N, C-alpha and C. Protein backbone atom coordinates (compact mmCIF):
# COMPACT_ATOMS: atom_id res chain seq x y z
N MET A 1 0.83 -1.21 -0.01
CA MET A 1 -0.01 0.00 0.00
C MET A 1 0.87 1.25 -0.02
N LYS A 2 1.93 1.27 0.81
CA LYS A 2 2.84 2.42 0.85
C LYS A 2 3.47 2.69 -0.51
N ARG A 3 3.76 1.56 -1.19
CA ARG A 3 4.38 1.71 -2.51
C ARG A 3 3.43 2.35 -3.51
N LEU A 4 2.17 2.00 -3.43
CA LEU A 4 1.15 2.53 -4.33
C LEU A 4 1.01 4.03 -4.03
N ILE A 5 1.01 4.40 -2.76
CA ILE A 5 0.90 5.84 -2.40
C ILE A 5 2.07 6.62 -2.92
N ALA A 6 3.32 6.05 -2.84
CA ALA A 6 4.51 6.73 -3.32
C ALA A 6 4.45 6.93 -4.82
N VAL A 7 3.99 5.89 -5.56
CA VAL A 7 3.90 5.97 -7.01
C VAL A 7 2.85 6.99 -7.39
N ALA A 8 1.75 7.10 -6.68
CA ALA A 8 0.70 8.01 -6.94
C ALA A 8 1.21 9.46 -6.71
N ALA A 9 1.95 9.65 -5.62
CA ALA A 9 2.51 10.96 -5.26
C ALA A 9 3.47 11.44 -6.42
N LEU A 10 4.28 10.49 -6.86
CA LEU A 10 5.25 10.83 -7.91
C LEU A 10 4.51 11.20 -9.19
N ALA A 11 3.50 10.47 -9.57
CA ALA A 11 2.74 10.70 -10.78
C ALA A 11 2.04 12.07 -10.65
N THR A 12 1.50 12.41 -9.47
CA THR A 12 0.84 13.68 -9.30
C THR A 12 1.86 14.80 -9.45
N ALA A 13 3.05 14.66 -8.87
CA ALA A 13 4.07 15.69 -8.98
C ALA A 13 4.48 15.90 -10.43
N LEU A 14 4.60 14.81 -11.17
CA LEU A 14 5.01 14.93 -12.56
C LEU A 14 3.95 15.64 -13.37
N PHE A 15 2.70 15.25 -13.19
CA PHE A 15 1.62 15.88 -14.01
C PHE A 15 1.29 17.28 -13.53
N ALA A 16 1.59 17.62 -12.30
CA ALA A 16 1.32 18.96 -11.79
C ALA A 16 2.45 19.92 -12.05
N GLY A 17 3.51 19.44 -12.71
CA GLY A 17 4.63 20.30 -13.03
C GLY A 17 5.58 20.45 -11.84
N GLY A 18 5.52 19.51 -10.93
CA GLY A 18 6.40 19.53 -9.77
C GLY A 18 7.86 19.30 -10.07
N VAL A 19 8.12 18.65 -11.21
CA VAL A 19 9.50 18.36 -11.61
C VAL A 19 9.93 19.50 -12.54
N LYS A 20 10.99 20.16 -12.14
CA LYS A 20 11.47 21.33 -12.96
C LYS A 20 12.28 20.82 -14.13
N ALA A 21 12.20 21.56 -15.25
CA ALA A 21 13.00 21.22 -16.44
C ALA A 21 14.49 21.50 -16.15
N GLN A 22 15.29 20.72 -16.77
CA GLN A 22 16.74 20.90 -16.60
C GLN A 22 17.17 22.19 -17.20
N VAL A 23 17.95 22.96 -16.47
CA VAL A 23 18.43 24.30 -16.96
C VAL A 23 19.69 24.02 -17.80
N ILE A 24 19.69 24.61 -18.97
CA ILE A 24 20.87 24.49 -19.85
C ILE A 24 21.64 25.76 -19.74
N THR A 25 22.95 25.62 -19.46
CA THR A 25 23.82 26.75 -19.28
C THR A 25 24.79 26.90 -20.44
N ILE A 26 24.88 28.09 -21.03
CA ILE A 26 25.84 28.41 -22.05
C ILE A 26 26.96 29.26 -21.41
N ASP A 27 28.19 28.90 -21.68
CA ASP A 27 29.31 29.57 -21.07
C ASP A 27 30.10 30.45 -22.07
N PRO A 28 30.67 31.53 -21.66
CA PRO A 28 31.56 32.28 -22.57
C PRO A 28 32.68 31.39 -23.03
N GLY A 29 33.09 31.55 -24.31
CA GLY A 29 34.18 30.77 -24.85
C GLY A 29 33.77 29.47 -25.52
N MET A 30 32.49 29.06 -25.32
CA MET A 30 32.04 27.84 -25.98
C MET A 30 32.05 28.00 -27.53
N THR A 31 32.23 26.90 -28.23
CA THR A 31 32.23 26.96 -29.69
C THR A 31 30.78 26.86 -30.19
N GLN A 32 30.59 27.12 -31.42
CA GLN A 32 29.25 26.98 -32.02
C GLN A 32 28.78 25.55 -31.96
N ALA A 33 29.67 24.60 -32.19
CA ALA A 33 29.31 23.19 -32.11
C ALA A 33 28.88 22.79 -30.67
N GLN A 34 29.52 23.34 -29.69
CA GLN A 34 29.13 23.07 -28.33
C GLN A 34 27.75 23.63 -27.97
N VAL A 35 27.54 24.85 -28.47
CA VAL A 35 26.22 25.48 -28.22
C VAL A 35 25.11 24.65 -28.86
N ILE A 36 25.32 24.20 -30.14
CA ILE A 36 24.36 23.42 -30.86
C ILE A 36 24.13 22.07 -30.16
N ALA A 37 25.20 21.51 -29.60
CA ALA A 37 25.08 20.22 -28.87
C ALA A 37 24.19 20.37 -27.66
N LYS A 38 24.20 21.57 -27.02
CA LYS A 38 23.36 21.83 -25.85
C LYS A 38 21.97 22.27 -26.17
N LEU A 39 21.84 23.22 -27.12
CA LEU A 39 20.55 23.83 -27.46
C LEU A 39 19.82 23.28 -28.66
N GLY A 40 20.54 22.51 -29.50
CA GLY A 40 20.04 21.98 -30.73
C GLY A 40 20.23 22.98 -31.89
N GLN A 41 19.75 22.63 -33.05
CA GLN A 41 19.90 23.50 -34.20
C GLN A 41 19.15 24.82 -34.02
N PRO A 42 19.76 25.93 -34.30
CA PRO A 42 19.07 27.26 -34.14
C PRO A 42 17.96 27.38 -35.14
N LEU A 43 17.05 28.25 -34.81
CA LEU A 43 15.93 28.63 -35.69
C LEU A 43 16.54 29.30 -36.94
N SER A 44 17.54 30.19 -36.65
CA SER A 44 18.15 30.95 -37.71
C SER A 44 19.58 31.27 -37.31
N THR A 45 20.42 31.43 -38.30
CA THR A 45 21.87 31.81 -38.07
C THR A 45 22.16 33.00 -38.98
N ARG A 46 22.77 34.01 -38.42
CA ARG A 46 23.21 35.18 -39.17
C ARG A 46 24.67 35.47 -38.89
N SER A 47 25.34 35.96 -39.87
CA SER A 47 26.81 36.28 -39.69
C SER A 47 27.06 37.68 -40.23
N PHE A 48 28.01 38.38 -39.59
CA PHE A 48 28.48 39.65 -40.06
C PHE A 48 29.90 39.81 -39.57
N LYS A 49 30.83 39.94 -40.49
CA LYS A 49 32.25 40.04 -40.22
C LYS A 49 32.65 38.82 -39.37
N SER A 50 33.21 39.07 -38.15
CA SER A 50 33.67 37.88 -37.35
C SER A 50 32.56 37.39 -36.42
N PHE A 51 31.37 38.01 -36.47
CA PHE A 51 30.28 37.65 -35.53
C PHE A 51 29.30 36.67 -36.19
N THR A 52 28.84 35.74 -35.31
CA THR A 52 27.75 34.80 -35.72
C THR A 52 26.68 34.89 -34.68
N TYR A 53 25.47 34.97 -35.12
CA TYR A 53 24.30 35.14 -34.24
C TYR A 53 23.39 33.89 -34.40
N LEU A 54 23.16 33.18 -33.30
CA LEU A 54 22.31 32.01 -33.33
C LEU A 54 21.01 32.40 -32.61
N LEU A 55 19.88 32.26 -33.33
CA LEU A 55 18.58 32.60 -32.78
C LEU A 55 17.78 31.30 -32.47
N TYR A 56 17.18 31.25 -31.28
CA TYR A 56 16.43 30.10 -30.82
C TYR A 56 15.03 30.48 -30.37
N ARG A 57 14.05 29.63 -30.64
CA ARG A 57 12.71 29.84 -30.12
C ARG A 57 12.78 29.77 -28.61
N ASN A 58 11.92 30.62 -27.93
CA ASN A 58 11.88 30.59 -26.52
C ASN A 58 10.48 30.47 -25.93
N GLY A 59 9.50 30.45 -26.84
CA GLY A 59 8.14 30.31 -26.38
C GLY A 59 7.44 31.61 -25.95
N CYS A 60 8.17 32.71 -25.93
CA CYS A 60 7.55 34.03 -25.52
C CYS A 60 7.93 35.08 -26.57
N GLU A 61 8.07 34.69 -27.78
CA GLU A 61 8.51 35.68 -28.81
C GLU A 61 7.59 36.88 -28.86
N LYS A 62 6.27 36.69 -28.86
CA LYS A 62 5.35 37.85 -28.94
C LYS A 62 5.39 38.64 -27.67
N LYS A 63 5.41 38.00 -26.47
CA LYS A 63 5.41 38.67 -25.20
C LYS A 63 6.74 39.34 -24.95
N CYS A 64 7.87 38.63 -25.25
CA CYS A 64 9.18 39.13 -25.01
C CYS A 64 9.67 40.06 -26.11
N GLY A 65 9.15 39.88 -27.28
CA GLY A 65 9.59 40.70 -28.42
C GLY A 65 10.86 40.23 -29.10
N MET A 66 11.34 39.03 -28.78
CA MET A 66 12.57 38.52 -29.36
C MET A 66 12.72 37.05 -29.21
N ASN A 67 13.59 36.50 -30.03
CA ASN A 67 14.01 35.09 -29.82
C ASN A 67 15.17 35.08 -28.83
N ASP A 68 15.54 33.92 -28.32
CA ASP A 68 16.80 33.78 -27.56
C ASP A 68 17.91 33.94 -28.51
N LEU A 69 19.00 34.51 -28.08
CA LEU A 69 20.14 34.86 -28.93
C LEU A 69 21.48 34.44 -28.30
N VAL A 70 22.30 33.82 -29.09
CA VAL A 70 23.68 33.50 -28.68
C VAL A 70 24.58 34.19 -29.68
N THR A 71 25.52 34.98 -29.20
CA THR A 71 26.47 35.73 -30.08
C THR A 71 27.85 35.14 -29.94
N LEU A 72 28.42 34.84 -31.10
CA LEU A 72 29.82 34.33 -31.14
C LEU A 72 30.69 35.31 -31.89
N ASP A 73 31.90 35.48 -31.46
CA ASP A 73 32.93 36.27 -32.13
C ASP A 73 34.09 35.39 -32.42
N SER A 74 34.43 35.28 -33.67
CA SER A 74 35.53 34.38 -34.14
C SER A 74 35.32 32.93 -33.64
N GLY A 75 34.05 32.52 -33.66
CA GLY A 75 33.71 31.18 -33.35
C GLY A 75 33.54 30.84 -31.85
N LYS A 76 33.64 31.84 -30.96
CA LYS A 76 33.51 31.59 -29.53
C LYS A 76 32.37 32.44 -28.93
N VAL A 77 31.60 31.92 -28.00
CA VAL A 77 30.50 32.65 -27.41
C VAL A 77 31.02 33.86 -26.64
N VAL A 78 30.47 35.01 -26.91
CA VAL A 78 30.83 36.23 -26.18
C VAL A 78 29.60 36.89 -25.50
N ASP A 79 28.43 36.41 -25.83
CA ASP A 79 27.20 36.99 -25.22
C ASP A 79 26.02 36.06 -25.50
N ALA A 80 25.02 36.15 -24.64
CA ALA A 80 23.77 35.42 -24.86
C ALA A 80 22.63 36.21 -24.17
N VAL A 81 21.46 36.22 -24.77
CA VAL A 81 20.30 36.83 -24.23
C VAL A 81 19.22 35.74 -24.21
N PHE A 82 18.84 35.30 -23.05
CA PHE A 82 17.82 34.21 -22.93
C PHE A 82 16.62 34.74 -22.19
N ARG A 83 15.44 34.38 -22.71
CA ARG A 83 14.14 34.64 -22.12
C ARG A 83 13.48 33.35 -21.72
N ALA A 84 13.89 32.20 -22.28
CA ALA A 84 13.38 30.92 -21.90
C ALA A 84 13.78 30.62 -20.50
N PRO A 85 12.85 30.11 -19.65
CA PRO A 85 13.18 29.88 -18.25
C PRO A 85 14.18 28.76 -18.01
N ASP A 86 14.40 27.90 -19.01
CA ASP A 86 15.29 26.78 -18.78
C ASP A 86 16.70 27.01 -19.41
N ARG A 87 17.01 28.25 -19.75
CA ARG A 87 18.30 28.60 -20.35
C ARG A 87 18.98 29.66 -19.53
N ARG A 88 20.31 29.50 -19.35
CA ARG A 88 21.08 30.50 -18.59
C ARG A 88 22.38 30.74 -19.31
N TYR A 89 22.90 31.98 -19.18
CA TYR A 89 24.20 32.36 -19.67
C TYR A 89 25.09 32.64 -18.45
N SER A 90 26.22 31.95 -18.32
CA SER A 90 27.01 32.10 -17.13
C SER A 90 27.90 33.38 -17.19
N GLY A 91 28.02 34.01 -18.34
CA GLY A 91 28.75 35.25 -18.43
C GLY A 91 27.87 36.41 -18.11
N THR A 92 28.36 37.59 -18.44
CA THR A 92 27.58 38.85 -18.23
C THR A 92 26.89 39.17 -19.52
N SER A 93 25.56 39.08 -19.54
CA SER A 93 24.81 39.33 -20.71
C SER A 93 24.72 40.83 -20.97
N SER A 94 24.64 41.21 -22.25
CA SER A 94 24.47 42.63 -22.61
C SER A 94 23.06 43.04 -22.39
N SER A 95 22.12 42.15 -22.17
CA SER A 95 20.71 42.49 -22.03
C SER A 95 20.40 42.71 -20.56
N PRO A 96 19.56 43.73 -20.28
CA PRO A 96 19.14 43.83 -18.89
C PRO A 96 18.22 42.68 -18.60
N ARG A 97 18.10 42.38 -17.29
CA ARG A 97 17.23 41.26 -16.90
C ARG A 97 15.79 41.61 -17.24
N ALA A 98 15.03 40.59 -17.55
CA ALA A 98 13.59 40.76 -17.76
C ALA A 98 12.90 41.06 -16.42
N ILE A 99 11.95 41.97 -16.48
CA ILE A 99 11.22 42.27 -15.25
C ILE A 99 9.77 41.82 -15.43
N PRO A 100 9.13 41.37 -14.29
CA PRO A 100 7.73 40.93 -14.40
C PRO A 100 6.83 42.06 -14.84
N ALA A 101 5.70 41.70 -15.48
CA ALA A 101 4.76 42.72 -15.95
C ALA A 101 4.26 43.59 -14.83
N ALA A 102 4.03 42.99 -13.66
CA ALA A 102 3.55 43.79 -12.52
C ALA A 102 4.47 44.88 -12.14
N GLN A 103 5.81 44.58 -12.21
CA GLN A 103 6.80 45.60 -11.82
C GLN A 103 6.86 46.68 -13.00
N ALA A 104 6.75 46.22 -14.24
CA ALA A 104 6.83 47.18 -15.33
C ALA A 104 5.66 48.14 -15.31
N SER A 105 4.52 47.75 -14.81
CA SER A 105 3.32 48.57 -14.83
C SER A 105 3.18 49.47 -13.60
N LYS A 106 4.21 49.54 -12.73
CA LYS A 106 4.11 50.34 -11.57
C LYS A 106 4.21 51.86 -11.77
N GLY A 107 4.45 52.24 -13.05
CA GLY A 107 4.57 53.65 -13.33
C GLY A 107 3.15 54.26 -13.40
N LYS A 108 3.07 55.42 -13.94
CA LYS A 108 1.77 56.13 -14.08
C LYS A 108 1.45 56.13 -15.56
N PRO A 109 0.68 55.12 -16.01
CA PRO A 109 0.41 54.97 -17.42
C PRO A 109 -0.40 56.10 -18.04
N ASP A 110 -1.22 56.82 -17.18
CA ASP A 110 -2.04 57.89 -17.70
C ASP A 110 -1.35 59.25 -17.57
N ALA A 111 -0.17 59.30 -16.98
CA ALA A 111 0.54 60.57 -16.83
C ALA A 111 1.02 61.03 -18.19
N PRO A 112 1.06 62.35 -18.38
CA PRO A 112 1.56 62.83 -19.67
C PRO A 112 3.08 62.61 -19.75
N LEU A 113 3.53 62.47 -20.93
CA LEU A 113 4.97 62.27 -21.16
C LEU A 113 5.73 63.60 -20.94
N ALA A 114 6.83 63.51 -20.32
CA ALA A 114 7.68 64.70 -20.07
C ALA A 114 8.57 64.87 -21.33
N VAL A 115 8.35 65.96 -22.04
CA VAL A 115 9.12 66.27 -23.20
C VAL A 115 10.14 67.34 -22.91
N PRO A 116 11.40 67.08 -23.21
CA PRO A 116 12.42 68.10 -22.89
C PRO A 116 12.19 69.37 -23.66
N ALA A 117 12.47 70.51 -23.06
CA ALA A 117 12.28 71.79 -23.72
C ALA A 117 13.26 71.90 -24.89
N LYS A 118 12.78 72.57 -25.96
CA LYS A 118 13.70 72.78 -27.10
C LYS A 118 14.78 73.71 -26.76
N PRO A 119 15.99 73.51 -27.21
CA PRO A 119 17.04 74.47 -26.91
C PRO A 119 16.79 75.77 -27.68
N THR A 120 17.13 76.87 -27.07
CA THR A 120 16.95 78.14 -27.72
C THR A 120 17.98 78.34 -28.80
N PRO A 121 17.62 78.86 -29.90
CA PRO A 121 18.64 79.08 -30.95
C PRO A 121 19.66 80.11 -30.54
N THR A 122 20.88 79.89 -30.91
CA THR A 122 21.91 80.85 -30.59
C THR A 122 22.16 81.76 -31.79
N THR A 123 22.51 82.98 -31.51
CA THR A 123 22.78 83.93 -32.61
C THR A 123 24.27 83.88 -32.99
N LYS A 124 25.10 83.35 -32.13
CA LYS A 124 26.52 83.26 -32.45
C LYS A 124 26.80 82.13 -33.40
N LYS A 125 27.66 82.35 -34.29
CA LYS A 125 28.11 81.29 -35.24
C LYS A 125 29.28 80.60 -34.57
N PRO A 126 29.37 79.30 -34.75
CA PRO A 126 30.56 78.61 -34.25
C PRO A 126 31.83 79.19 -34.85
N PRO A 127 32.95 79.15 -34.10
CA PRO A 127 34.15 79.78 -34.54
C PRO A 127 34.68 79.22 -35.87
N HIS A 128 34.37 78.00 -36.22
CA HIS A 128 34.91 77.40 -37.42
C HIS A 128 34.10 77.80 -38.67
N VAL A 129 32.94 78.49 -38.47
CA VAL A 129 32.12 78.90 -39.62
C VAL A 129 32.42 80.37 -39.88
N GLN A 130 32.88 80.63 -41.11
CA GLN A 130 33.21 81.97 -41.48
C GLN A 130 32.16 82.47 -42.46
N THR A 131 31.76 83.72 -42.31
CA THR A 131 30.75 84.29 -43.23
C THR A 131 31.38 85.46 -44.00
N GLY A 132 30.79 85.78 -45.11
CA GLY A 132 31.18 86.94 -45.87
C GLY A 132 32.46 86.76 -46.68
N LEU A 133 32.81 85.49 -46.99
CA LEU A 133 34.05 85.28 -47.80
C LEU A 133 33.73 85.24 -49.27
């Protein structure tokens, strides 16, 4: 009977999401092949000069506004931006951390935008501009 209860508890935990997904960590200096071995084939790959950008689905593209991104320079990981909860970058990401919607909405959404005043035009010409030549 105890065994049956233990099996039932395990099944309940699995179906209720009690078991967390394994977190995949990408480290600075990894090669493209190592990244692909951990994350699978990217959705898209782009290159420019010595940089390669690997884009991955993250399940929140519409909400987050982006795919997950791994940046390589000369074949080595130099940056990553992850929004998927099961992915981590052990280096320092160039992206600010994502904040929860509740925190983002703490401002005053109905308040008018503060627009900086226009600079007043100056009557002096810069010293390098000569007139009357």
